Amino acid sequence: MYDDIAIPLPNASKEKIENMHPYNQWIQKHHEIDICVLTDEEIKENRRAYYAMITYIDDKVGKIMSELERLHMMENTIIIFTSDHGGDARRTWYVV
């Protein structure tokens, strides 16, 4: 879906890790950026995959909403969607 779309690179600092603020150093190490250097194309591919996951979940939410509307249940339904950030995050759905 996003293969032919121009994907911008993140506006990330090119500063050396040892010169960063300690918190930023921790973030870099936590995400293993200090040992796993990605090419620009790998970063773009990862972003394309992330955008596709967002599109997928948006489509699923839309289908749930449409079905609730079809069943005339929207006025008496609360939908709670929670998620951590990121591509490998677990998602929890509650339809009440």
PDB file of N, CA and C in Angstrom:
ATOM      1  N   MET A   1       0.812  -1.201   0.000  1.00  0.00           N
ATOM      2  CA  MET A   1       0.000   0.000   0.000  1.00  0.00           C
ATOM      3  C   MET A   1       0.857   1.267   0.000  1.00  0.00           C
ATOM      4  N   TYR A   2       1.946   1.239   0.701  1.00  0.00           N
ATOM      5  CA  TYR A   2       2.793   2.431   0.811  1.00  0.00           C
ATOM      6  C   TYR A   2       4.110   2.283   0.047  1.00  0.00           C
ATOM      7  N   ASP A   3       4.215   1.262  -0.805  1.00  0.00           N
ATOM      8  CA  ASP A   3       5.479   1.007  -1.515  1.00  0.00           C
ATOM      9  C   ASP A   3       5.934   2.171  -2.383  1.00  0.00           C
ATOM     10  N   ASP A   4       5.009   2.819  -3.065  1.00  0.00           N
ATOM     11  CA  ASP A   4       5.386   3.886  -3.999  1.00  0.00           C
ATOM     12  C   ASP A   4       5.219   5.287  -3.410  1.00  0.00           C
ATOM     13  N   ILE A   5       5.066   5.364  -2.115  1.00  0.00           N
ATOM     14  CA  ILE A   5       4.878   6.649  -1.442  1.00  0.00           C
ATOM     15  C   ILE A   5       6.232   7.140  -0.924  1.00  0.00           C
ATOM     16  N   ALA A   6       6.494   8.405  -1.127  1.00  0.00           N
ATOM     17  CA  ALA A   6       7.730   8.997  -0.582  1.00  0.00           C
ATOM     18  C   ALA A   6       7.601   9.072   0.937  1.00  0.00           C
ATOM     19  N   ILE A   7       8.494   8.412   1.614  1.00  0.00           N
ATOM     20  CA  ILE A   7       8.476   8.378   3.076  1.00  0.00           C
ATOM     21  C   ILE A   7       9.635   9.222   3.592  1.00  0.00           C
ATOM     22  N   PRO A   8       9.342  10.236   4.387  1.00  0.00           N
ATOM     23  CA  PRO A   8      10.439  11.064   4.912  1.00  0.00           C
ATOM     24  C   PRO A   8      11.204  10.339   6.015  1.00  0.00           C
ATOM     25  N   LEU A   9      12.459  10.635   6.107  1.00  0.00           N
ATOM     26  CA  LEU A   9      13.258  10.121   7.217  1.00  0.00           C
ATOM     27  C   LEU A   9      12.941  10.944   8.465  1.00  0.00           C
ATOM     28  N   PRO A  10      13.055  10.342   9.630  1.00  0.00           N
ATOM     29  CA  PRO A  10      12.829  11.121  10.850  1.00  0.00           C
ATOM     30  C   PRO A  10      13.881  12.207  10.994  1.00  0.00           C
ATOM     31  N   ASN A  11      13.512  13.254  11.673  1.00  0.00           N
ATOM     32  CA  ASN A  11      14.433  14.355  11.919  1.00  0.00           C
ATOM     33  C   ASN A  11      15.262  14.001  13.156  1.00  0.00           C
ATOM     34  N   ALA A  12      16.193  13.085  12.986  1.00  0.00           N
ATOM     35  CA  ALA A  12      16.988  12.584  14.109  1.00  0.00           C
ATOM     36  C   ALA A  12      18.330  13.286  14.166  1.00  0.00           C
ATOM     37  N   SER A  13      18.803  13.453  15.368  1.00  0.00           N
ATOM     38  CA  SER A  13      20.105  14.077  15.581  1.00  0.00           C
ATOM     39  C   SER A  13      21.216  13.167  15.050  1.00  0.00           C
ATOM     40  N   LYS A  14      22.227  13.760  14.465  1.00  0.00           N
ATOM     41  CA  LYS A  14      23.408  13.017  14.001  1.00  0.00           C
ATOM     42  C   LYS A  14      24.527  13.078  15.048  1.00  0.00           C
ATOM     43  N   GLU A  15      24.167  13.601  16.213  1.00  0.00           N
ATOM     44  CA  GLU A  15      25.136  13.746  17.292  1.00  0.00           C
ATOM     45  C   GLU A  15      25.623  12.370  17.754  1.00  0.00           C
ATOM     46  N   LYS A  16      26.878  12.264  18.101  1.00  0.00           N
ATOM     47  CA  LYS A  16      27.423  11.018  18.623  1.00  0.00           C
ATOM     48  C   LYS A  16      26.771  10.715  19.970  1.00  0.00           C
ATOM     49  N   ILE A  17      26.543   9.438  20.217  1.00  0.00           N
ATOM     50  CA  ILE A  17      25.853   9.033  21.450  1.00  0.00           C
ATOM     51  C   ILE A  17      26.570   9.553  22.688  1.00  0.00           C
ATOM     52  N   GLU A  18      27.873   9.493  22.699  1.00  0.00           N
ATOM     53  CA  GLU A  18      28.612   9.919  23.904  1.00  0.00           C
ATOM     54  C   GLU A  18      28.471  11.421  24.184  1.00  0.00           C
ATOM     55  N   ASN A  19      28.055  12.198  23.189  1.00  0.00           N
ATOM     56  CA  ASN A  19      27.879  13.635  23.383  1.00  0.00           C
ATOM     57  C   ASN A  19      26.435  14.006  23.737  1.00  0.00           C
ATOM     58  N   MET A  20      25.549  13.026  23.740  1.00  0.00           N
ATOM     59  CA  MET A  20      24.134  13.301  24.020  1.00  0.00           C
ATOM     60  C   MET A  20      23.874  13.420  25.515  1.00  0.00           C
ATOM     61  N   HIS A  21      22.745  14.021  25.816  1.00  0.00           N
ATOM     62  CA  HIS A  21      22.252  14.059  27.196  1.00  0.00           C
ATOM     63  C   HIS A  21      22.077  12.607  27.663  1.00  0.00           C
ATOM     64  N   PRO A  22      22.302  12.313  28.944  1.00  0.00           N
ATOM     65  CA  PRO A  22      22.180  10.933  29.433  1.00  0.00           C
ATOM     66  C   PRO A  22      20.839  10.261  29.101  1.00  0.00           C
ATOM     67  N   TYR A  23      19.752  11.013  29.149  1.00  0.00           N
ATOM     68  CA  TYR A  23      18.454  10.413  28.809  1.00  0.00           C
ATOM     69  C   TYR A  23      18.432   9.996  27.339  1.00  0.00           C
ATOM     70  N   ASN A  24      18.929  10.856  26.459  1.00  0.00           N
ATOM     71  CA  ASN A  24      18.972  10.526  25.038  1.00  0.00           C
ATOM     72  C   ASN A  24      19.911   9.351  24.767  1.00  0.00           C
ATOM     73  N   GLN A  25      20.989   9.263  25.529  1.00  0.00           N
ATOM     74  CA  GLN A  25      21.869   8.101  25.413  1.00  0.00           C
ATOM     75  C   GLN A  25      21.103   6.833  25.769  1.00  0.00           C
ATOM     76  N   TRP A  26      20.344   6.884  26.850  1.00  0.00           N
ATOM     77  CA  TRP A  26      19.565   5.728  27.269  1.00  0.00           C
ATOM     78  C   TRP A  26      18.565   5.316  26.192  1.00  0.00           C
ATOM     79  N   ILE A  27      17.877   6.304  25.602  1.00  0.00           N
ATOM     80  CA  ILE A  27      16.908   6.019  24.534  1.00  0.00           C
ATOM     81  C   ILE A  27      17.603   5.312  23.374  1.00  0.00           C
ATOM     82  N   GLN A  28      18.748   5.803  22.970  1.00  0.00           N
ATOM     83  CA  GLN A  28      19.489   5.202  21.860  1.00  0.00           C
ATOM     84  C   GLN A  28      19.866   3.752  22.184  1.00  0.00           C
ATOM     85  N   LYS A  29      20.355   3.548  23.395  1.00  0.00           N
ATOM     86  CA  LYS A  29      20.767   2.198  23.797  1.00  0.00           C
ATOM     87  C   LYS A  29      19.565   1.286  24.005  1.00  0.00           C
ATOM     88  N   HIS A  30      18.491   1.816  24.556  1.00  0.00           N
ATOM     89  CA  HIS A  30      17.266   1.033  24.777  1.00  0.00           C
ATOM     90  C   HIS A  30      16.729   0.498  23.453  1.00  0.00           C
ATOM     91  N   HIS A  31      16.793   1.295  22.413  1.00  0.00           N
ATOM     92  CA  HIS A  31      16.317   0.889  21.094  1.00  0.00           C
ATOM     93  C   HIS A  31      17.430   0.257  20.257  1.00  0.00           C
ATOM     94  N   GLU A  32      18.577   0.036  20.891  1.00  0.00           N
ATOM     95  CA  GLU A  32      19.745  -0.613  20.282  1.00  0.00           C
ATOM     96  C   GLU A  32      20.245   0.087  19.023  1.00  0.00           C
ATOM     97  N   ILE A  33      20.016   1.389  18.965  1.00  0.00           N
ATOM     98  CA  ILE A  33      20.502   2.161  17.826  1.00  0.00           C
ATOM     99  C   ILE A  33      22.027   2.226  17.838  1.00  0.00           C
ATOM    100  N   ASP A  34      22.589   2.048  19.020  1.00  0.00           N
ATOM    101  CA  ASP A  34      24.047   2.080  19.126  1.00  0.00           C
ATOM    102  C   ASP A  34      24.704   0.818  18.564  1.00  0.00           C
ATOM    103  N   ILE A  35      23.956  -0.278  18.406  1.00  0.00           N
ATOM    104  CA  ILE A  35      24.549  -1.519  17.883  1.00  0.00           C
ATOM    105  C   ILE A  35      23.888  -2.000  16.585  1.00  0.00           C
ATOM    106  N   CYS A  36      22.759  -1.426  16.244  1.00  0.00           N
ATOM    107  CA  CYS A  36      22.032  -1.843  15.040  1.00  0.00           C
ATOM    108  C   CYS A  36      21.751  -0.618  14.188  1.00  0.00           C
ATOM    109  N   VAL A  37      22.694  -0.277  13.359  1.00  0.00           N
ATOM    110  CA  VAL A  37      22.570   0.909  12.524  1.00  0.00           C
ATOM    111  C   VAL A  37      21.807   0.527  11.255  1.00  0.00           C
ATOM    112  N   LEU A  38      20.678   1.202  11.022  1.00  0.00           N
ATOM    113  CA  LEU A  38      19.855   0.933   9.843  1.00  0.00           C
ATOM    114  C   LEU A  38      20.214   1.890   8.719  1.00  0.00           C
ATOM    115  N   THR A  39      20.076   1.400   7.510  1.00  0.00           N
ATOM    116  CA  THR A  39      20.263   2.276   6.358  1.00  0.00           C
ATOM    117  C   THR A  39      19.023   3.164   6.224  1.00  0.00           C
ATOM    118  N   ASP A  40      19.149   4.214   5.440  1.00  0.00           N
ATOM    119  CA  ASP A  40      17.998   5.082   5.194  1.00  0.00           C
ATOM    120  C   ASP A  40      16.839   4.295   4.586  1.00  0.00           C
ATOM    121  N   GLU A  41      17.147   3.375   3.676  1.00  0.00           N
ATOM    122  CA  GLU A  41      16.082   2.580   3.042  1.00  0.00           C
ATOM    123  C   GLU A  41      15.411   1.646   4.049  1.00  0.00           C
ATOM    124  N   GLU A  42      16.175   1.068   4.974  1.00  0.00           N
ATOM    125  CA  GLU A  42      15.572   0.217   6.017  1.00  0.00           C
ATOM    126  C   GLU A  42      14.646   1.034   6.923  1.00  0.00           C
ATOM    127  N   ILE A  43      15.068   2.243   7.239  1.00  0.00           N
ATOM    128  CA  ILE A  43      14.222   3.119   8.059  1.00  0.00           C
ATOM    129  C   ILE A  43      12.925   3.426   7.319  1.00  0.00           C
ATOM    130  N   LYS A  44      13.022   3.728   6.034  1.00  0.00           N
ATOM    131  CA  LYS A  44      11.818   4.019   5.240  1.00  0.00           C
ATOM    132  C   LYS A  44      10.911   2.800   5.157  1.00  0.00           C
ATOM    133  N   GLU A  45      11.486   1.617   4.987  1.00  0.00           N
ATOM    134  CA  GLU A  45      10.678   0.391   4.928  1.00  0.00           C
ATOM    135  C   GLU A  45       9.969   0.143   6.260  1.00  0.00           C
ATOM    136  N   ASN A  46      10.671   0.380   7.355  1.00  0.00           N
ATOM    137  CA  ASN A  46      10.049   0.236   8.671  1.00  0.00           C
ATOM    138  C   ASN A  46       8.898   1.224   8.840  1.00  0.00           C
ATOM    139  N   ARG A  47       9.079   2.433   8.381  1.00  0.00           N
ATOM    140  CA  ARG A  47       8.018   3.438   8.473  1.00  0.00           C
ATOM    141  C   ARG A  47       6.832   3.066   7.587  1.00  0.00           C
ATOM    142  N   ARG A  48       7.109   2.533   6.397  1.00  0.00           N
ATOM    143  CA  ARG A  48       6.018   2.073   5.524  1.00  0.00           C
ATOM    144  C   ARG A  48       5.201   0.981   6.220  1.00  0.00           C
ATOM    145  N   ALA A  49       5.888   0.046   6.866  1.00  0.00           N
ATOM    146  CA  ALA A  49       5.198  -1.033   7.578  1.00  0.00           C
ATOM    147  C   ALA A  49       4.363  -0.465   8.725  1.00  0.00           C
ATOM    148  N   TYR A  50       4.917   0.502   9.445  1.00  0.00           N
ATOM    149  CA  TYR A  50       4.183   1.120  10.546  1.00  0.00           C
ATOM    150  C   TYR A  50       2.942   1.839  10.026  1.00  0.00           C
ATOM    151  N   TYR A  51       3.082   2.603   8.946  1.00  0.00           N
ATOM    152  CA  TYR A  51       1.930   3.289   8.353  1.00  0.00           C
ATOM    153  C   TYR A  51       0.870   2.276   7.930  1.00  0.00           C
ATOM    154  N   ALA A  52       1.306   1.148   7.372  1.00  0.00           N
ATOM    155  CA  ALA A  52       0.360   0.112   6.955  1.00  0.00           C
ATOM    156  C   ALA A  52      -0.383  -0.470   8.162  1.00  0.00           C
ATOM    157  N   MET A  53       0.312  -0.661   9.286  1.00  0.00           N
ATOM    158  CA  MET A  53      -0.358  -1.164  10.489  1.00  0.00           C
ATOM    159  C   MET A  53      -1.396  -0.170  11.004  1.00  0.00           C
ATOM    160  N   ILE A  54      -1.072   1.107  10.940  1.00  0.00           N
ATOM    161  CA  ILE A  54      -2.026   2.132  11.364  1.00  0.00           C
ATOM    162  C   ILE A  54      -3.245   2.112  10.443  1.00  0.00           C
ATOM    163  N   THR A  55      -3.020   1.995   9.151  1.00  0.00           N
ATOM    164  CA  THR A  55      -4.130   1.921   8.201  1.00  0.00           C
ATOM    165  C   THR A  55      -4.989   0.691   8.470  1.00  0.00           C
ATOM    166  N   TYR A  56      -4.350  -0.426   8.761  1.00  0.00           N
ATOM    167  CA  TYR A  56      -5.071  -1.671   9.053  1.00  0.00           C
ATOM    168  C   TYR A  56      -5.978  -1.511  10.274  1.00  0.00           C
ATOM    169  N   ILE A  57      -5.425  -0.978  11.359  1.00  0.00           N
ATOM    170  CA  ILE A  57      -6.235  -0.839  12.576  1.00  0.00           C
ATOM    171  C   ILE A  57      -7.334   0.191  12.373  1.00  0.00           C
ATOM    172  N   ASP A  58      -7.058   1.239  11.613  1.00  0.00           N
ATOM    173  CA  ASP A  58      -8.074   2.234  11.302  1.00  0.00           C
ATOM    174  C   ASP A  58      -9.227   1.587  10.533  1.00  0.00           C
ATOM    175  N   ASP A  59      -8.904   0.711   9.592  1.00  0.00           N
ATOM    176  CA  ASP A  59      -9.935  -0.004   8.839  1.00  0.00           C
ATOM    177  C   ASP A  59     -10.771  -0.886   9.768  1.00  0.00           C
ATOM    178  N   LYS A  60     -10.127  -1.584  10.686  1.00  0.00           N
ATOM    179  CA  LYS A  60     -10.852  -2.473  11.608  1.00  0.00           C
ATOM    180  C   LYS A  60     -11.758  -1.685  12.545  1.00  0.00           C
ATOM    181  N   VAL A  61     -11.270  -0.552  13.037  1.00  0.00           N
ATOM    182  CA  VAL A  61     -12.116   0.302  13.883  1.00  0.00           C
ATOM    183  C   VAL A  61     -13.321   0.773  13.083  1.00  0.00           C
ATOM    184  N   GLY A  62     -13.103   1.161  11.838  1.00  0.00           N
ATOM    185  CA  GLY A  62     -14.204   1.590  10.982  1.00  0.00           C
ATOM    186  C   GLY A  62     -15.242   0.493  10.790  1.00  0.00           C
ATOM    187  N   LYS A  63     -14.794  -0.745  10.628  1.00  0.00           N
ATOM    188  CA  LYS A  63     -15.730  -1.861  10.460  1.00  0.00           C
ATOM    189  C   LYS A  63     -16.540  -2.107  11.726  1.00  0.00           C
ATOM    190  N   ILE A  64     -15.891  -2.008  12.864  1.00  0.00           N
ATOM    191  CA  ILE A  64     -16.628  -2.163  14.125  1.00  0.00           C
ATOM    192  C   ILE A  64     -17.664  -1.057  14.266  1.00  0.00           C
ATOM    193  N   MET A  65     -17.259   0.173  13.983  1.00  0.00           N
ATOM    194  CA  MET A  65     -18.190   1.301  14.078  1.00  0.00           C
ATOM    195  C   MET A  65     -19.372   1.120  13.116  1.00  0.00           C
ATOM    196  N   SER A  66     -19.098   0.695  11.902  1.00  0.00           N
ATOM    197  CA  SER A  66     -20.169   0.485  10.926  1.00  0.00           C
ATOM    198  C   SER A  66     -21.132  -0.590  11.387  1.00  0.00           C
ATOM    199  N   GLU A  67     -20.606  -1.663  11.949  1.00  0.00           N
ATOM    200  CA  GLU A  67     -21.477  -2.746  12.425  1.00  0.00           C
ATOM    201  C   GLU A  67     -22.324  -2.291  13.615  1.00  0.00           C
ATOM    202  N   LEU A  68     -21.740  -1.525  14.504  1.00  0.00           N
ATOM    203  CA  LEU A  68     -22.510  -0.991  15.628  1.00  0.00           C
ATOM    204  C   LEU A  68     -23.615  -0.056  15.130  1.00  0.00           C
ATOM    205  N   GLU A  69     -23.303   0.745  14.127  1.00  0.00           N
ATOM    206  CA  GLU A  69     -24.325   1.618  13.539  1.00  0.00           C
ATOM    207  C   GLU A  69     -25.422   0.795  12.872  1.00  0.00           C
ATOM    208  N   ARG A  70     -25.028  -0.243  12.127  1.00  0.00           N
ATOM    209  CA  ARG A  70     -26.003  -1.092  11.451  1.00  0.00           C
ATOM    210  C   ARG A  70     -26.947  -1.756  12.452  1.00  0.00           C
ATOM    211  N   LEU A  71     -26.420  -2.118  13.602  1.00  0.00           N
ATOM    212  CA  LEU A  71     -27.213  -2.779  14.642  1.00  0.00           C
ATOM    213  C   LEU A  71     -27.914  -1.778  15.561  1.00  0.00           C
ATOM    214  N   HIS A  72     -27.787  -0.483  15.260  1.00  0.00           N
ATOM    215  CA  HIS A  72     -28.378   0.593  16.073  1.00  0.00           C
ATOM    216  C   HIS A  72     -27.917   0.504  17.535  1.00  0.00           C
ATOM    217  N   MET A  73     -26.632   0.258  17.707  1.00  0.00           N
ATOM    218  CA  MET A  73     -26.066   0.103  19.046  1.00  0.00           C
ATOM    219  C   MET A  73     -25.095   1.215  19.431  1.00  0.00           C
ATOM    220  N   MET A  74     -24.869   2.179  18.544  1.00  0.00           N
ATOM    221  CA  MET A  74     -23.859   3.208  18.821  1.00  0.00           C
ATOM    222  C   MET A  74     -24.188   4.059  20.047  1.00  0.00           C
ATOM    223  N   GLU A  75     -25.458   4.385  20.235  1.00  0.00           N
ATOM    224  CA  GLU A  75     -25.817   5.276  21.338  1.00  0.00           C
ATOM    225  C   GLU A  75     -25.628   4.630  22.704  1.00  0.00           C
ATOM    226  N   ASN A  76     -25.599   3.307  22.759  1.00  0.00           N
ATOM    227  CA  ASN A  76     -25.477   2.604  24.038  1.00  0.00           C
ATOM    228  C   ASN A  76     -24.174   1.810  24.126  1.00  0.00           C
ATOM    229  N   THR A  77     -23.193   2.226  23.363  1.00  0.00           N
ATOM    230  CA  THR A  77     -21.930   1.489  23.319  1.00  0.00           C
ATOM    231  C   THR A  77     -20.772   2.422  23.609  1.00  0.00           C
ATOM    232  N   ILE A  78     -19.868   1.933  24.415  1.00  0.00           N
ATOM    233  CA  ILE A  78     -18.614   2.634  24.668  1.00  0.00           C
ATOM    234  C   ILE A  78     -17.505   1.757  24.113  1.00  0.00           C
ATOM    235  N   ILE A  79     -16.674   2.337  23.272  1.00  0.00           N
ATOM    236  CA  ILE A  79     -15.535   1.608  22.710  1.00  0.00           C
ATOM    237  C   ILE A  79     -14.274   2.171  23.344  1.00  0.00           C
ATOM    238  N   ILE A  80     -13.496   1.290  23.921  1.00  0.00           N
ATOM    239  CA  ILE A  80     -12.230   1.701  24.522  1.00  0.00           C
ATOM    240  C   ILE A  80     -11.122   0.964  23.780  1.00  0.00           C
ATOM    241  N   PHE A  81     -10.227   1.717  23.211  1.00  0.00           N
ATOM    242  CA  PHE A  81      -9.098   1.156  22.478  1.00  0.00           C
ATOM    243  C   PHE A  81      -7.840   1.634  23.169  1.00  0.00           C
ATOM    244  N   THR A  82      -7.026   0.713  23.633  1.00  0.00           N
ATOM    245  CA  THR A  82      -5.761   1.104  24.257  1.00  0.00           C
ATOM    246  C   THR A  82      -4.617   0.455  23.502  1.00  0.00           C
ATOM    247  N   SER A  83      -3.490   1.112  23.538  1.00  0.00           N
ATOM    248  CA  SER A  83      -2.331   0.585  22.839  1.00  0.00           C
ATOM    249  C   SER A  83      -1.079   1.214  23.402  1.00  0.00           C
ATOM    250  N   ASP A  84      -0.031   0.435  23.381  1.00  0.00           N
ATOM    251  CA  ASP A  84       1.282   0.993  23.587  1.00  0.00           C
ATOM    252  C   ASP A  84       1.702   1.538  22.220  1.00  0.00           C
ATOM    253  N   HIS A  85       2.744   2.299  22.143  1.00  0.00           N
ATOM    254  CA  HIS A  85       3.205   2.783  20.841  1.00  0.00           C
ATOM    255  C   HIS A  85       4.053   1.705  20.179  1.00  0.00           C
ATOM    256  N   GLY A  86       4.201   1.836  18.905  1.00  0.00           N
ATOM    257  CA  GLY A  86       5.118   0.961  18.193  1.00  0.00           C
ATOM    258  C   GLY A  86       4.473  -0.189  17.454  1.00  0.00           C
ATOM    259  N   GLY A  87       5.234  -0.780  16.572  1.00  0.00           N
ATOM    260  CA  GLY A  87       4.744  -1.833  15.702  1.00  0.00           C
ATOM    261  C   GLY A  87       4.508  -3.156  16.376  1.00  0.00           C
ATOM    262  N   ASP A  88       5.206  -3.453  17.454  1.00  0.00           N
ATOM    263  CA  ASP A  88       5.034  -4.749  18.092  1.00  0.00           C
ATOM    264  C   ASP A  88       4.196  -4.647  19.371  1.00  0.00           C
ATOM    265  N   ALA A  89       3.504  -3.540  19.517  1.00  0.00           N
ATOM    266  CA  ALA A  89       2.733  -3.313  20.732  1.00  0.00           C
ATOM    267  C   ALA A  89       1.504  -4.201  20.788  1.00  0.00           C
ATOM    268  N   ARG A  90       1.123  -4.558  21.988  1.00  0.00           N
ATOM    269  CA  ARG A  90      -0.121  -5.299  22.193  1.00  0.00           C
ATOM    270  C   ARG A  90      -1.262  -4.297  22.257  1.00  0.00           C
ATOM    271  N   ARG A  91      -2.385  -4.694  21.689  1.00  0.00           N
ATOM    272  CA  ARG A  91      -3.553  -3.826  21.691  1.00  0.00           C
ATOM    273  C   ARG A  91      -4.677  -4.509  22.446  1.00  0.00           C
ATOM    274  N   THR A  92      -5.458  -3.729  23.121  1.00  0.00           N
ATOM    275  CA  THR A  92      -6.579  -4.250  23.870  1.00  0.00           C
ATOM    276  C   THR A  92      -7.840  -3.544  23.435  1.00  0.00           C
ATOM    277  N   TRP A  93      -8.870  -4.321  23.172  1.00  0.00           N
ATOM    278  CA  TRP A  93     -10.160  -3.785  22.745  1.00  0.00           C
ATOM    279  C   TRP A  93     -11.210  -4.110  23.775  1.00  0.00           C
ATOM    280  N   TYR A  94     -12.067  -3.171  24.020  1.00  0.00           N
ATOM    281  CA  TYR A  94     -13.263  -3.405  24.823  1.00  0.00           C
ATOM    282  C   TYR A  94     -14.437  -2.780  24.086  1.00  0.00           C
ATOM    283  N   VAL A  95     -15.440  -3.557  23.815  1.00  0.00           N
ATOM    284  CA  VAL A  95     -16.679  -3.020  23.282  1.00  0.00           C
ATOM    285  C   VAL A  95     -17.726  -3.325  24.323  1.00  0.00           C
ATOM    286  N   VAL A  96     -18.300  -2.266  24.907  1.00  0.00           N
ATOM    287  CA  VAL A  96     -19.239  -2.416  26.014  1.00  0.00           C
ATOM    288  C   VAL A  96     -20.620  -2.016  25.547  1.00  0.00           C
TER     289      VAL A  96
END
